[in-house]
Amino acid sequence: MPSIYDLKPKFQSLLRPLSNALANAGITANMVTVSAMALSFATGAAILYSHTFRSLLLLPVILFARMALNAIDGMLAREHNQKTPLGAILNELGDVFSDAALYLPLATFLPFDPSLIVVIVLFALLSEMTGIIGKQIGASRRYDGPMGKSDRAFVFGALGLLLGLGLPIFPAVRPVLWIMAVLLFLTIVNRARGALRELGGATR
């Protein structure tokens, strides 16, 4: 299924000059990964403790910055010989922890449903785990949609922007969260099926 992730190559092309400059300055992929995670935790804490709708305007800005940093750390690792086992661990755990840090504080805001936010964060974790399992069984790391990391960032960023601007979208928030939960479940299924299909349909 299509996903915003499909636009990643074009996004990386725009960021490549910055990636090259960082590499020349001695900045490593792991430094960028940790910075993205720290930024996510700081933003989540700011949203949680300020607890104003105006603070939700941080979401679209920081989520875009996080996507840029994630793209840059990948380019640094692949294109500047910085791949390490620690980097692979930080990259996967960083995404999961950053999602939780940015999205769980929303459970304290109306009109967000706390249980739905928790389900979405849990399904996001499971979808990333399923993507990693693909590699574990001999397929590639799966990034199938329709609700990958970039798609989640787009939806939550849009909700944060609209709510932060004070637009009357309260009635739409709960249905959007339900749709996200369903699409995340489909993402888990698609990633598992994609890995098996890549292996020729093997089931054992």
C-alpha atoms as a PDB file:
ATOM      1  CA  MET A   1       0.000   0.000   0.000  1.00  0.00           C
ATOM      2  CA  PRO A   2       1.210   3.555  -0.676  1.00  0.00           C
ATOM      3  CA  SER A   3       2.769   5.528   2.160  1.00  0.00           C
ATOM      4  CA  ILE A   4       4.409   8.901   2.667  1.00  0.00           C
ATOM      5  CA  TYR A   5       7.555   6.819   3.193  1.00  0.00           C
ATOM      6  CA  ASP A   6       7.616   6.376  -0.601  1.00  0.00           C
ATOM      7  CA  LEU A   7       8.667  10.039  -0.869  1.00  0.00           C
ATOM      8  CA  LYS A   8      11.787   9.403   1.230  1.00  0.00           C
ATOM      9  CA  PRO A   9      14.290   9.263  -1.699  1.00  0.00           C
ATOM     10  CA  LYS A  10      13.291  12.753  -2.872  1.00  0.00           C
ATOM     11  CA  PHE A  11      13.408  14.060   0.695  1.00  0.00           C
ATOM     12  CA  GLN A  12      16.881  12.580   1.133  1.00  0.00           C
ATOM     13  CA  SER A  13      18.075  14.233  -2.071  1.00  0.00           C
ATOM     14  CA  LEU A  14      17.115  17.622  -0.656  1.00  0.00           C
ATOM     15  CA  LEU A  15      18.939  16.874   2.605  1.00  0.00           C
ATOM     16  CA  ARG A  16      22.080  15.322   1.081  1.00  0.00           C
ATOM     17  CA  PRO A  17      24.113  18.583   1.042  1.00  0.00           C
ATOM     18  CA  LEU A  18      23.406  19.048   4.772  1.00  0.00           C
ATOM     19  CA  SER A  19      24.269  15.400   5.440  1.00  0.00           C
ATOM     20  CA  ASN A  20      27.574  15.777   3.623  1.00  0.00           C
ATOM     21  CA  ALA A  21      28.358  18.967   5.545  1.00  0.00           C
ATOM     22  CA  LEU A  22      27.670  17.248   8.866  1.00  0.00           C
ATOM     23  CA  ALA A  23      29.906  14.329   7.906  1.00  0.00           C
ATOM     24  CA  ASN A  24      32.703  16.745   7.019  1.00  0.00           C
ATOM     25  CA  ALA A  25      32.229  18.431  10.393  1.00  0.00           C
ATOM     26  CA  GLY A  26      32.693  15.106  12.215  1.00  0.00           C
ATOM     27  CA  ILE A  27      29.038  14.604  13.167  1.00  0.00           C
ATOM     28  CA  THR A  28      28.154  10.918  13.269  1.00  0.00           C
ATOM     29  CA  ALA A  29      24.912   9.105  12.491  1.00  0.00           C
ATOM     30  CA  ASN A  30      24.585   8.023  16.127  1.00  0.00           C
ATOM     31  CA  MET A  31      24.866  11.632  17.300  1.00  0.00           C
ATOM     32  CA  VAL A  32      22.016  12.611  14.993  1.00  0.00           C
ATOM     33  CA  THR A  33      19.891   9.642  16.122  1.00  0.00           C
ATOM     34  CA  VAL A  34      20.334  10.495  19.800  1.00  0.00           C
ATOM     35  CA  SER A  35      19.634  14.175  19.083  1.00  0.00           C
ATOM     36  CA  ALA A  36      16.341  13.275  17.367  1.00  0.00           C
ATOM     37  CA  MET A  37      15.312  11.165  20.357  1.00  0.00           C
ATOM     38  CA  ALA A  38      16.292  13.883  22.847  1.00  0.00           C
ATOM     39  CA  LEU A  39      14.330  16.455  20.850  1.00  0.00           C
ATOM     40  CA  SER A  40      11.261  14.208  20.920  1.00  0.00           C
ATOM     41  CA  PHE A  41      11.441  13.700  24.683  1.00  0.00           C
ATOM     42  CA  ALA A  42      11.938  17.411  25.314  1.00  0.00           C
ATOM     43  CA  THR A  43       8.954  18.261  23.107  1.00  0.00           C
ATOM     44  CA  GLY A  44       6.745  15.646  24.747  1.00  0.00           C
ATOM     45  CA  ALA A  45       7.649  16.998  28.164  1.00  0.00           C
ATOM     46  CA  ALA A  46       6.945  20.570  27.060  1.00  0.00           C
ATOM     47  CA  ILE A  47       3.505  19.584  25.738  1.00  0.00           C
ATOM     48  CA  LEU A  48       2.706  17.582  28.860  1.00  0.00           C
ATOM     49  CA  TYR A  49       3.705  20.217  31.394  1.00  0.00           C
ATOM     50  CA  SER A  50       2.473  23.309  29.567  1.00  0.00           C
ATOM     51  CA  HIS A  51      -0.800  21.533  28.754  1.00  0.00           C
ATOM     52  CA  THR A  52      -2.078  24.250  26.447  1.00  0.00           C
ATOM     53  CA  PHE A  53      -3.454  23.771  22.964  1.00  0.00           C
ATOM     54  CA  ARG A  54      -0.948  26.360  21.783  1.00  0.00           C
ATOM     55  CA  SER A  55       1.827  23.931  22.764  1.00  0.00           C
ATOM     56  CA  LEU A  56       0.469  21.451  20.195  1.00  0.00           C
ATOM     57  CA  LEU A  57       1.873  23.747  17.506  1.00  0.00           C
ATOM     58  CA  LEU A  58       5.215  22.197  18.442  1.00  0.00           C
ATOM     59  CA  LEU A  59       4.104  18.874  16.972  1.00  0.00           C
ATOM     60  CA  PRO A  60       4.213  19.683  13.234  1.00  0.00           C
ATOM     61  CA  VAL A  61       7.517  21.537  13.614  1.00  0.00           C
ATOM     62  CA  ILE A  62       9.270  18.890  15.681  1.00  0.00           C
ATOM     63  CA  LEU A  63       7.831  15.961  13.717  1.00  0.00           C
ATOM     64  CA  PHE A  64       9.152  17.487  10.495  1.00  0.00           C
ATOM     65  CA  ALA A  65      12.531  18.100  12.134  1.00  0.00           C
ATOM     66  CA  ARG A  66      12.566  14.523  13.408  1.00  0.00           C
ATOM     67  CA  MET A  67      11.844  13.149   9.922  1.00  0.00           C
ATOM     68  CA  ALA A  68      14.703  15.237   8.573  1.00  0.00           C
ATOM     69  CA  LEU A  69      17.080  14.024  11.289  1.00  0.00           C
ATOM     70  CA  ASN A  70      16.037  10.400  10.693  1.00  0.00           C
ATOM     71  CA  ALA A  71      16.729  10.781   6.994  1.00  0.00           C
ATOM     72  CA  ILE A  72      20.102  12.392   7.697  1.00  0.00           C
ATOM     73  CA  ASP A  73      21.248   9.708  10.144  1.00  0.00           C
ATOM     74  CA  GLY A  74      20.423   7.060   7.548  1.00  0.00           C
ATOM     75  CA  MET A  75      22.433   8.864   4.871  1.00  0.00           C
ATOM     76  CA  LEU A  76      25.367   9.362   7.227  1.00  0.00           C
ATOM     77  CA  ALA A  77      25.351   5.656   8.034  1.00  0.00           C
ATOM     78  CA  ARG A  78      25.037   4.418   4.454  1.00  0.00           C
ATOM     79  CA  GLU A  79      26.938   7.026   2.478  1.00  0.00           C
ATOM     80  CA  HIS A  80      29.744   7.838   4.915  1.00  0.00           C
ATOM     81  CA  ASN A  81      30.600   4.353   6.207  1.00  0.00           C
ATOM     82  CA  GLN A  82      29.123   4.929   9.654  1.00  0.00           C
ATOM     83  CA  LYS A  83      27.022   1.772   9.951  1.00  0.00           C
ATOM     84  CA  THR A  84      27.465   0.139  13.361  1.00  0.00           C
ATOM     85  CA  PRO A  85      25.523  -2.442  15.398  1.00  0.00           C
ATOM     86  CA  LEU A  86      24.913   0.228  18.047  1.00  0.00           C
ATOM     87  CA  GLY A  87      23.572   2.542  15.362  1.00  0.00           C
ATOM     88  CA  ALA A  88      21.091  -0.086  14.180  1.00  0.00           C
ATOM     89  CA  ILE A  89      19.824  -0.543  17.753  1.00  0.00           C
ATOM     90  CA  LEU A  90      19.610   3.197  18.399  1.00  0.00           C
ATOM     91  CA  ASN A  91      17.792   3.763  15.115  1.00  0.00           C
ATOM     92  CA  GLU A  92      15.036   1.245  15.833  1.00  0.00           C
ATOM     93  CA  LEU A  93      14.628   1.984  19.544  1.00  0.00           C
ATOM     94  CA  GLY A  94      14.860   5.709  18.939  1.00  0.00           C
ATOM     95  CA  ASP A  95      11.839   5.639  16.643  1.00  0.00           C
ATOM     96  CA  VAL A  96       9.723   3.698  19.126  1.00  0.00           C
ATOM     97  CA  PHE A  97      10.718   5.791  22.145  1.00  0.00           C
ATOM     98  CA  SER A  98      10.279   9.031  20.204  1.00  0.00           C
ATOM     99  CA  ASP A  99       6.775   8.041  19.090  1.00  0.00           C
ATOM    100  CA  ALA A 100       5.799   7.271  22.684  1.00  0.00           C
ATOM    101  CA  ALA A 101       7.353  10.499  24.000  1.00  0.00           C
ATOM    102  CA  LEU A 102       5.558  12.670  21.445  1.00  0.00           C
ATOM    103  CA  TYR A 103       2.157  10.992  21.290  1.00  0.00           C
ATOM    104  CA  LEU A 104       1.400   9.721  24.815  1.00  0.00           C
ATOM    105  CA  PRO A 105       1.139  13.285  26.266  1.00  0.00           C
ATOM    106  CA  LEU A 106      -1.820  13.813  23.941  1.00  0.00           C
ATOM    107  CA  ALA A 107      -3.789  11.370  26.116  1.00  0.00           C
ATOM    108  CA  THR A 108      -4.076  14.174  28.691  1.00  0.00           C
ATOM    109  CA  PHE A 109      -5.836  16.496  26.238  1.00  0.00           C
ATOM    110  CA  LEU A 110      -9.474  16.578  25.240  1.00  0.00           C
ATOM    111  CA  PRO A 111     -10.675  15.635  22.644  1.00  0.00           C
ATOM    112  CA  PHE A 112      -8.010  12.897  22.436  1.00  0.00           C
ATOM    113  CA  ASP A 113      -9.231   9.574  23.822  1.00  0.00           C
ATOM    114  CA  PRO A 114      -6.552   8.230  26.200  1.00  0.00           C
ATOM    115  CA  SER A 115      -7.287   4.594  25.393  1.00  0.00           C
ATOM    116  CA  LEU A 116      -7.090   5.222  21.659  1.00  0.00           C
ATOM    117  CA  ILE A 117      -3.788   7.073  22.021  1.00  0.00           C
ATOM    118  CA  VAL A 118      -2.361   4.115  23.954  1.00  0.00           C
ATOM    119  CA  VAL A 119      -3.651   1.665  21.335  1.00  0.00           C
ATOM    120  CA  ILE A 120      -2.106   3.732  18.538  1.00  0.00           C
ATOM    121  CA  VAL A 121       1.265   3.895  20.298  1.00  0.00           C
ATOM    122  CA  LEU A 122       1.104   0.134  20.980  1.00  0.00           C
ATOM    123  CA  PHE A 123       0.176  -0.659  17.366  1.00  0.00           C
ATOM    124  CA  ALA A 124       2.961   1.659  16.187  1.00  0.00           C
ATOM    125  CA  LEU A 125       5.409  -0.346  18.305  1.00  0.00           C
ATOM    126  CA  LEU A 126       4.071  -3.631  16.917  1.00  0.00           C
ATOM    127  CA  SER A 127       4.249  -2.360  13.341  1.00  0.00           C
ATOM    128  CA  GLU A 128       7.926  -1.458  13.764  1.00  0.00           C
ATOM    129  CA  MET A 129       8.616  -4.809  15.422  1.00  0.00           C
ATOM    130  CA  THR A 130       6.940  -6.556  12.511  1.00  0.00           C
ATOM    131  CA  GLY A 131       9.115  -4.608  10.095  1.00  0.00           C
ATOM    132  CA  ILE A 132      12.243  -5.719  11.971  1.00  0.00           C
ATOM    133  CA  ILE A 133      11.076  -9.350  12.086  1.00  0.00           C
ATOM    134  CA  GLY A 134      11.116  -9.323   8.283  1.00  0.00           C
ATOM    135  CA  LYS A 135      14.885  -8.901   8.417  1.00  0.00           C
ATOM    136  CA  GLN A 136      15.200 -11.505  11.148  1.00  0.00           C
ATOM    137  CA  ILE A 137      13.579 -14.218   9.004  1.00  0.00           C
ATOM    138  CA  GLY A 138      15.713 -13.457   5.969  1.00  0.00           C
ATOM    139  CA  ALA A 139      13.634 -10.826   4.161  1.00  0.00           C
ATOM    140  CA  SER A 140      14.311  -7.085   4.086  1.00  0.00           C
ATOM    141  CA  ARG A 141      13.368  -4.585   6.786  1.00  0.00           C
ATOM    142  CA  ARG A 142       9.723  -3.944   5.885  1.00  0.00           C
ATOM    143  CA  TYR A 143       8.325  -0.414   5.618  1.00  0.00           C
ATOM    144  CA  ASP A 144       4.914  -1.210   4.124  1.00  0.00           C
ATOM    145  CA  GLY A 145       2.023   1.188   4.762  1.00  0.00           C
ATOM    146  CA  PRO A 146      -0.579   2.468   4.978  1.00  0.00           C
ATOM    147  CA  MET A 147       0.329   3.934   8.402  1.00  0.00           C
ATOM    148  CA  GLY A 148       4.098   3.986   8.737  1.00  0.00           C
ATOM    149  CA  LYS A 149       6.199   6.355  10.802  1.00  0.00           C
ATOM    150  CA  SER A 150       5.960   9.226   8.313  1.00  0.00           C
ATOM    151  CA  ASP A 151       2.189   8.770   7.931  1.00  0.00           C
ATOM    152  CA  ARG A 152       1.705   8.872  11.705  1.00  0.00           C
ATOM    153  CA  ALA A 153       3.805  12.003  11.891  1.00  0.00           C
ATOM    154  CA  PHE A 154       1.738  13.652   9.169  1.00  0.00           C
ATOM    155  CA  VAL A 155      -1.590  12.902  10.889  1.00  0.00           C
ATOM    156  CA  PHE A 156      -0.495  13.920  14.384  1.00  0.00           C
ATOM    157  CA  GLY A 157       1.287  16.968  12.998  1.00  0.00           C
ATOM    158  CA  ALA A 158      -1.867  18.049  11.183  1.00  0.00           C
ATOM    159  CA  LEU A 159      -4.016  17.518  14.297  1.00  0.00           C
ATOM    160  CA  GLY A 160      -1.524  19.467  16.415  1.00  0.00           C
ATOM    161  CA  LEU A 161      -1.479  22.316  13.914  1.00  0.00           C
ATOM    162  CA  LEU A 162      -5.255  22.590  13.622  1.00  0.00           C
ATOM    163  CA  LEU A 163      -5.894  22.286  17.365  1.00  0.00           C
ATOM    164  CA  GLY A 164      -3.022  24.631  18.179  1.00  0.00           C
ATOM    165  CA  LEU A 165      -4.561  27.249  15.889  1.00  0.00           C
ATOM    166  CA  GLY A 166      -7.870  26.877  17.732  1.00  0.00           C
ATOM    167  CA  LEU A 167      -9.843  25.477  14.809  1.00  0.00           C
ATOM    168  CA  PRO A 168     -13.084  23.649  15.748  1.00  0.00           C
ATOM    169  CA  ILE A 169     -12.097  20.091  14.840  1.00  0.00           C
ATOM    170  CA  PHE A 170     -12.967  18.406  18.148  1.00  0.00           C
ATOM    171  CA  PRO A 171     -15.700  16.169  16.646  1.00  0.00           C
ATOM    172  CA  ALA A 172     -13.282  14.865  13.992  1.00  0.00           C
ATOM    173  CA  VAL A 173     -10.449  13.858  16.326  1.00  0.00           C
ATOM    174  CA  ARG A 174     -11.910  10.612  17.664  1.00  0.00           C
ATOM    175  CA  PRO A 175     -12.882   9.242  14.204  1.00  0.00           C
ATOM    176  CA  VAL A 176      -9.397  10.128  12.917  1.00  0.00           C
ATOM    177  CA  LEU A 177      -7.816   8.208  15.802  1.00  0.00           C
ATOM    178  CA  TRP A 178     -10.006   5.175  15.074  1.00  0.00           C
ATOM    179  CA  ILE A 179      -8.995   5.282  11.415  1.00  0.00           C
ATOM    180  CA  MET A 180      -5.341   5.494  12.462  1.00  0.00           C
ATOM    181  CA  ALA A 181      -5.736   2.451  14.714  1.00  0.00           C
ATOM    182  CA  VAL A 182      -7.339   0.424  11.919  1.00  0.00           C
ATOM    183  CA  LEU A 183      -4.694   1.485   9.394  1.00  0.00           C
ATOM    184  CA  LEU A 184      -1.947   0.609  11.864  1.00  0.00           C
ATOM    185  CA  PHE A 185      -3.405  -2.874  12.241  1.00  0.00           C
ATOM    186  CA  LEU A 186      -3.412  -3.199   8.453  1.00  0.00           C
ATOM    187  CA  THR A 187       0.191  -2.006   8.434  1.00  0.00           C
ATOM    188  CA  ILE A 188       1.176  -4.810  10.806  1.00  0.00           C
ATOM    189  CA  VAL A 189      -0.562  -7.342   8.549  1.00  0.00           C
ATOM    190  CA  ASN A 190       0.948  -5.873   5.378  1.00  0.00           C
ATOM    191  CA  ARG A 191       4.472  -5.936   6.781  1.00  0.00           C
ATOM    192  CA  ALA A 192       4.132  -9.547   7.868  1.00  0.00           C
ATOM    193  CA  ARG A 193       2.631 -10.568   4.520  1.00  0.00           C
ATOM    194  CA  GLY A 194       5.236  -8.551   2.623  1.00  0.00           C
ATOM    195  CA  ALA A 195       8.077 -10.352   4.385  1.00  0.00           C
ATOM    196  CA  LEU A 196       6.550 -13.761   3.693  1.00  0.00           C
ATOM    197  CA  ARG A 197       5.868 -12.842   0.065  1.00  0.00           C
ATOM    198  CA  GLU A 198       9.476 -11.715  -0.297  1.00  0.00           C
ATOM    199  CA  LEU A 199      10.545 -15.175   0.868  1.00  0.00           C
ATOM    200  CA  GLY A 200       8.320 -16.829  -1.706  1.00  0.00           C
ATOM    201  CA  GLY A 201       5.369 -17.375   0.595  1.00  0.00           C
ATOM    202  CA  ALA A 202       7.293 -19.520   3.043  1.00  0.00           C
ATOM    203  CA  THR A 203       5.477 -20.054   6.331  1.00  0.00           C
ATOM    204  CA  ARG A 204       8.150 -21.982   8.185  1.00  0.00           C
END
